[in-house]
Amino acid sequence: MSHRASLDVSAPVLRAVTGWVARYRRRPGTRPAQRVGTVHAQVVLALRWLRHRLDVRTLAGEAGVSIATAYRYLHEALDVIAAHAPARGAVLTHARAVGLPFLCLDGTLIPTDRVAARAERGHHLWYSGKHHAFGGSVQVLCDPGGFPLWVSDVRPGSTHDLTAARELVLPALYPHAARGLPVLADKGYTGAGIGVHVPIKRQPDGPLHTDNRCYNSLITALRAPTERGHALLGRWRALDRVTVSPHRIGAIVAAALVLTSLDRGTR
């Protein structure tokens, strides 16, 4: 494979993304012959940015295109890849159809550079008080083994996990939870509603009962593989710190999910 030393992705990923971008360029009304860079150059640029978080100026120079064109190629490829991310309803329906015993729901913060936008109350909109960092909040659904199945769109870092979940995922979860597909989450989702199981918080009047402590241990142990899901997505180092617009985090995470799914079983 060309660029093998500089592009650490599997052959199935490269073939799939190349096919998607090539079809996108051939869509009706476009003029592919007037493109400065080839399909291969655009795919390599986007995958190297995702995999290694390289500077776009460097990638532009290596691809032989301007910086503006490099950014346009990058965002175009991200949207093409992210369009293949599974829909939330399809993921939940398939999980119940194949008999998964439960799903895990967790929120993660994707770090960004400092963002000046402020909320109505005056605080920094993209600043997470929980993580003490600027970033975008994304909800992730994982299977019992910790493999990520679905990711939400981004919400500003100041958004509480439960607030984001109520908007983005919980309404779709409830019907499936009522039919036997429970969801495990951490204490940040306390009060999420039917079918969402979280550890019991300790009360001021004394230690938890033994049964409640055992319940908490069970929930924690079953949720432990969720960290694997974050690690798998984190292989795409563009998520280490997003330096483009934070509103693009949703597309970047969705692209990382698609590529991770393509890569499943090849390593």
Protein backbone atom coordinates (compact mmCIF):
# COMPACT_ATOMS: atom_id res chain seq x y z
CA MET A 1 0.00 0.00 0.00
CA SER A 2 1.34 3.43 -0.86
CA HIS A 3 1.92 5.76 2.10
CA ARG A 4 2.15 2.67 4.30
CA ALA A 5 4.77 4.25 6.54
CA SER A 6 2.84 7.49 6.99
CA LEU A 7 -0.75 6.20 6.93
CA ASP A 8 -1.46 3.68 9.68
CA VAL A 9 -4.82 2.36 8.49
CA SER A 10 -5.91 -1.03 7.26
CA ALA A 11 -6.51 -1.86 3.60
CA PRO A 12 -10.30 -2.28 4.08
CA VAL A 13 -10.53 1.24 5.54
CA LEU A 14 -8.53 2.76 2.68
CA ARG A 15 -10.55 0.92 0.01
CA ALA A 16 -13.91 1.84 1.54
CA VAL A 17 -13.13 5.52 2.04
CA THR A 18 -11.62 5.81 -1.43
CA GLY A 19 -14.79 4.35 -2.95
CA TRP A 20 -17.05 6.68 -0.98
CA VAL A 21 -15.09 9.81 -1.89
CA ALA A 22 -14.84 8.75 -5.54
CA ARG A 23 -18.62 8.28 -5.75
CA TYR A 24 -19.16 11.62 -4.04
CA ARG A 25 -16.97 13.34 -6.62
CA ARG A 26 -18.92 11.73 -9.47
CA ARG A 27 -22.33 12.88 -8.23
CA PRO A 28 -24.51 14.69 -10.80
CA GLY A 29 -23.69 18.34 -11.38
CA THR A 30 -20.02 18.13 -10.36
CA ARG A 31 -16.93 18.59 -12.50
CA PRO A 32 -14.35 16.10 -11.16
CA ALA A 33 -11.90 16.88 -13.95
CA GLN A 34 -11.44 20.37 -12.53
CA ARG A 35 -10.32 19.09 -9.12
CA VAL A 36 -6.77 20.06 -8.17
CA GLY A 37 -6.08 16.92 -6.15
CA THR A 38 -6.89 13.31 -6.95
CA VAL A 39 -9.25 11.11 -4.96
CA HIS A 40 -6.26 9.32 -3.47
CA ALA A 41 -4.67 12.59 -2.39
CA GLN A 42 -7.89 13.70 -0.67
CA VAL A 43 -8.37 10.36 1.09
CA VAL A 44 -4.77 10.27 2.32
CA LEU A 45 -5.03 13.86 3.55
CA ALA A 46 -8.21 13.18 5.52
CA LEU A 47 -7.09 9.84 6.98
CA ARG A 48 -3.67 11.17 8.01
CA TRP A 49 -5.36 14.09 9.74
CA LEU A 50 -7.77 11.77 11.55
CA ARG A 51 -5.19 9.13 12.43
CA HIS A 52 -2.20 11.31 13.34
CA ARG A 53 -3.66 14.83 13.86
CA LEU A 54 -1.13 16.34 11.48
CA ASP A 55 -1.05 20.05 10.66
CA VAL A 56 -3.29 20.87 7.69
CA ARG A 57 -0.63 23.15 6.24
CA THR A 58 1.80 20.24 6.15
CA LEU A 59 -0.79 17.98 4.57
CA ALA A 60 -1.62 20.64 1.99
CA GLY A 61 2.03 20.95 0.97
CA GLU A 62 2.42 17.19 0.61
CA ALA A 63 -0.80 16.93 -1.42
CA GLY A 64 0.21 19.82 -3.66
CA VAL A 65 -2.90 21.91 -2.92
CA SER A 66 -3.52 25.25 -1.24
CA ILE A 67 -4.34 25.45 2.47
CA ALA A 68 -7.90 26.55 1.71
CA THR A 69 -8.36 23.59 -0.65
CA ALA A 70 -6.88 21.24 1.96
CA TYR A 71 -9.42 22.38 4.55
CA ARG A 72 -12.23 22.00 2.01
CA TYR A 73 -11.04 18.50 1.10
CA LEU A 74 -10.78 17.58 4.78
CA HIS A 75 -14.28 18.69 5.75
CA GLU A 76 -15.74 17.19 2.60
CA ALA A 77 -14.15 13.80 3.34
CA LEU A 78 -15.26 13.97 6.99
CA ASP A 79 -18.87 14.52 5.92
CA VAL A 80 -18.67 11.69 3.37
CA ILE A 81 -17.33 9.25 5.97
CA ALA A 82 -19.66 10.43 8.75
CA ALA A 83 -22.67 9.91 6.49
CA HIS A 84 -22.10 6.15 6.85
CA ALA A 85 -22.45 6.23 10.66
CA PRO A 86 -25.31 4.01 11.86
CA ALA A 87 -28.58 5.67 12.82
CA ARG A 88 -29.60 5.57 16.47
CA GLY A 89 -32.86 3.71 15.82
CA ALA A 90 -31.17 1.07 13.66
CA VAL A 91 -28.54 0.43 16.34
CA LEU A 92 -31.15 -0.04 19.07
CA THR A 93 -33.34 -2.26 16.94
CA HIS A 94 -30.40 -4.45 15.92
CA ALA A 95 -29.13 -4.69 19.51
CA ARG A 96 -32.49 -6.00 20.68
CA ALA A 97 -32.85 -8.30 17.67
CA VAL A 98 -29.51 -10.04 18.30
CA GLY A 99 -30.28 -10.38 22.00
CA LEU A 100 -27.70 -8.12 23.62
CA PRO A 101 -28.25 -8.27 27.39
CA PHE A 102 -27.67 -4.52 27.84
CA LEU A 103 -26.04 -1.42 26.39
CA CYS A 104 -23.77 1.12 28.08
CA LEU A 105 -24.32 4.85 27.81
CA ASP A 106 -21.56 7.29 28.61
CA GLY A 107 -20.63 10.86 27.84
CA THR A 108 -17.17 11.96 26.80
CA LEU A 109 -15.56 15.36 26.37
CA ILE A 110 -13.58 15.99 23.19
CA PRO A 111 -11.01 18.70 24.05
CA THR A 112 -10.80 21.84 21.94
CA ASP A 113 -8.89 25.07 21.95
CA ARG A 114 -10.33 27.86 24.07
CA VAL A 115 -13.69 29.03 22.69
CA ALA A 116 -14.90 32.56 23.43
CA ALA A 117 -18.65 31.85 23.11
CA ARG A 118 -20.64 32.38 26.29
CA ALA A 119 -23.98 31.07 27.49
CA GLU A 120 -26.91 33.26 28.50
CA ARG A 121 -25.84 33.11 32.14
CA GLY A 122 -22.42 34.45 31.23
CA HIS A 123 -20.26 31.34 31.69
CA HIS A 124 -18.11 29.89 28.91
CA LEU A 125 -20.42 27.81 26.74
CA TRP A 126 -17.78 25.25 25.73
CA TYR A 127 -16.10 24.97 29.14
CA SER A 128 -16.73 21.79 31.15
CA GLY A 129 -16.63 22.36 34.89
CA LYS A 130 -16.50 18.60 35.40
CA HIS A 131 -13.34 18.18 33.33
CA HIS A 132 -11.94 21.70 33.86
CA ALA A 133 -11.32 22.01 30.14
CA PHE A 134 -12.84 23.39 26.94
CA GLY A 135 -14.45 20.85 24.69
CA GLY A 136 -17.55 19.32 23.15
CA SER A 137 -19.75 16.74 24.87
CA VAL A 138 -20.69 13.58 22.95
CA GLN A 139 -22.90 10.67 24.04
CA VAL A 140 -21.67 7.16 23.21
CA LEU A 141 -23.54 3.85 23.22
CA CYS A 142 -21.40 0.71 23.60
CA ASP A 143 -22.17 -3.00 23.54
CA PRO A 144 -21.39 -5.21 26.60
CA GLY A 145 -17.85 -5.79 25.28
CA GLY A 146 -17.15 -2.08 25.10
CA PHE A 147 -17.30 -1.64 21.33
CA PRO A 148 -18.87 1.71 20.33
CA LEU A 149 -22.10 1.31 18.39
CA TRP A 150 -23.43 4.86 18.11
CA VAL A 151 -22.29 8.41 18.83
CA SER A 152 -24.41 11.52 19.15
CA ASP A 153 -23.96 14.95 17.70
CA VAL A 154 -21.88 17.39 19.77
CA ARG A 155 -23.16 19.65 22.50
CA PRO A 156 -21.14 22.42 24.20
CA GLY A 157 -18.91 21.23 27.03
CA SER A 158 -20.96 23.03 29.68
CA THR A 159 -23.94 20.77 28.89
CA HIS A 160 -24.57 18.17 31.59
CA ASP A 161 -24.50 14.55 30.41
CA LEU A 162 -28.08 13.96 31.54
CA THR A 163 -29.31 17.08 29.75
CA ALA A 164 -27.58 16.02 26.53
CA ALA A 165 -28.86 12.45 26.87
CA ARG A 166 -32.45 13.61 27.36
CA GLU A 167 -32.23 15.55 24.13
CA LEU A 168 -30.21 13.16 21.98
CA VAL A 169 -30.78 9.56 23.00
CA LEU A 170 -33.08 8.81 25.95
CA PRO A 171 -36.44 9.25 24.14
CA ALA A 172 -35.36 6.59 21.65
CA LEU A 173 -34.02 4.31 24.40
CA TYR A 174 -37.15 4.12 26.51
CA PRO A 175 -39.29 1.91 24.18
CA HIS A 176 -36.44 -0.59 23.80
CA ALA A 177 -35.65 -0.54 27.53
CA ALA A 178 -39.29 -1.31 28.27
CA ARG A 179 -39.01 -4.35 25.97
CA GLY A 180 -35.98 -5.84 27.70
CA LEU A 181 -32.91 -3.87 26.59
CA PRO A 182 -31.61 -2.13 29.74
CA VAL A 183 -28.97 0.58 29.63
CA LEU A 184 -26.17 0.96 32.19
CA ALA A 185 -24.75 4.39 33.00
CA ASP A 186 -22.81 6.21 35.71
CA LYS A 187 -24.19 8.39 38.53
CA GLY A 188 -24.28 11.40 36.23
CA TYR A 189 -27.41 9.90 34.68
CA THR A 190 -29.30 9.53 37.95
CA GLY A 191 -32.99 10.20 37.26
CA ALA A 192 -32.70 9.35 33.57
CA GLY A 193 -35.85 7.24 33.72
CA ILE A 194 -37.11 3.78 32.85
CA GLY A 195 -34.58 1.16 31.88
CA VAL A 196 -31.49 3.26 32.66
CA HIS A 197 -29.64 1.67 35.58
CA VAL A 198 -27.12 3.73 37.55
CA PRO A 199 -25.23 3.15 40.83
CA ILE A 200 -27.10 4.16 43.97
CA LYS A 201 -25.73 7.29 45.59
CA ARG A 202 -24.68 7.20 49.22
CA GLN A 203 -27.11 9.02 51.53
CA PRO A 204 -26.09 11.42 54.34
CA ASP A 205 -27.72 9.22 57.01
CA GLY A 206 -25.10 6.47 56.76
CA PRO A 207 -23.43 3.85 54.58
CA LEU A 208 -25.32 1.97 51.91
CA HIS A 209 -26.96 -1.33 52.67
CA THR A 210 -24.99 -4.41 51.63
CA ASP A 211 -27.48 -5.17 48.86
CA ASN A 212 -27.02 -1.67 47.43
CA ARG A 213 -23.24 -1.95 47.59
CA CYS A 214 -23.40 -5.26 45.71
CA TYR A 215 -25.70 -3.66 43.13
CA ASN A 216 -23.24 -0.80 42.65
CA SER A 217 -20.34 -3.21 42.27
CA LEU A 218 -22.26 -5.17 39.65
CA ILE A 219 -23.15 -2.05 37.64
CA THR A 220 -19.55 -0.81 37.82
CA ALA A 221 -18.12 -4.16 36.72
CA LEU A 222 -20.52 -4.51 33.80
CA ARG A 223 -19.80 -0.95 32.66
CA ALA A 224 -16.02 -1.29 32.89
CA PRO A 225 -15.51 -2.28 29.22
CA THR A 226 -16.98 1.09 28.20
CA GLU A 227 -13.49 2.54 28.60
CA ARG A 228 -12.44 0.27 25.74
CA GLY A 229 -14.93 2.06 23.51
CA HIS A 230 -13.39 5.43 24.30
CA ALA A 231 -9.93 3.99 23.68
CA LEU A 232 -10.94 2.57 20.30
CA LEU A 233 -12.32 5.91 19.16
CA GLY A 234 -9.25 7.60 20.61
CA ARG A 235 -7.03 5.72 18.15
CA TRP A 236 -8.05 8.46 15.75
CA ARG A 237 -5.86 11.11 17.29
CA ALA A 238 -7.79 14.01 15.80
CA LEU A 239 -9.99 13.51 18.88
CA ASP A 240 -7.05 14.29 21.21
CA ARG A 241 -7.75 17.98 20.65
CA VAL A 242 -9.94 19.43 17.93
CA THR A 243 -8.47 22.62 16.48
CA VAL A 244 -11.14 23.23 13.85
CA SER A 245 -14.59 24.61 14.74
CA PRO A 246 -16.00 22.75 17.78
CA HIS A 247 -19.28 22.40 15.91
CA ARG A 248 -17.44 19.90 13.66
CA ILE A 249 -16.78 17.53 16.56
CA GLY A 250 -19.95 15.55 15.82
CA ALA A 251 -18.82 14.81 12.26
CA ILE A 252 -15.28 13.95 13.42
CA VAL A 253 -16.49 11.51 16.08
CA ALA A 254 -18.98 9.95 13.65
CA ALA A 255 -16.17 9.48 11.11
CA ALA A 256 -14.00 7.89 13.81
CA LEU A 257 -16.85 5.49 14.65
CA VAL A 258 -17.28 4.49 11.00
CA LEU A 259 -13.56 3.88 10.53
CA THR A 260 -13.34 1.95 13.82
CA SER A 261 -16.20 -0.29 12.70
CA LEU A 262 -14.52 -0.88 9.34
CA ASP A 263 -11.31 -1.72 11.14
CA ARG A 264 -12.98 -4.23 13.46
CA GLY A 265 -11.38 -7.65 13.22
CA THR A 266 -8.51 -6.57 10.96
CA ARG A 267 -5.96 -6.00 13.74
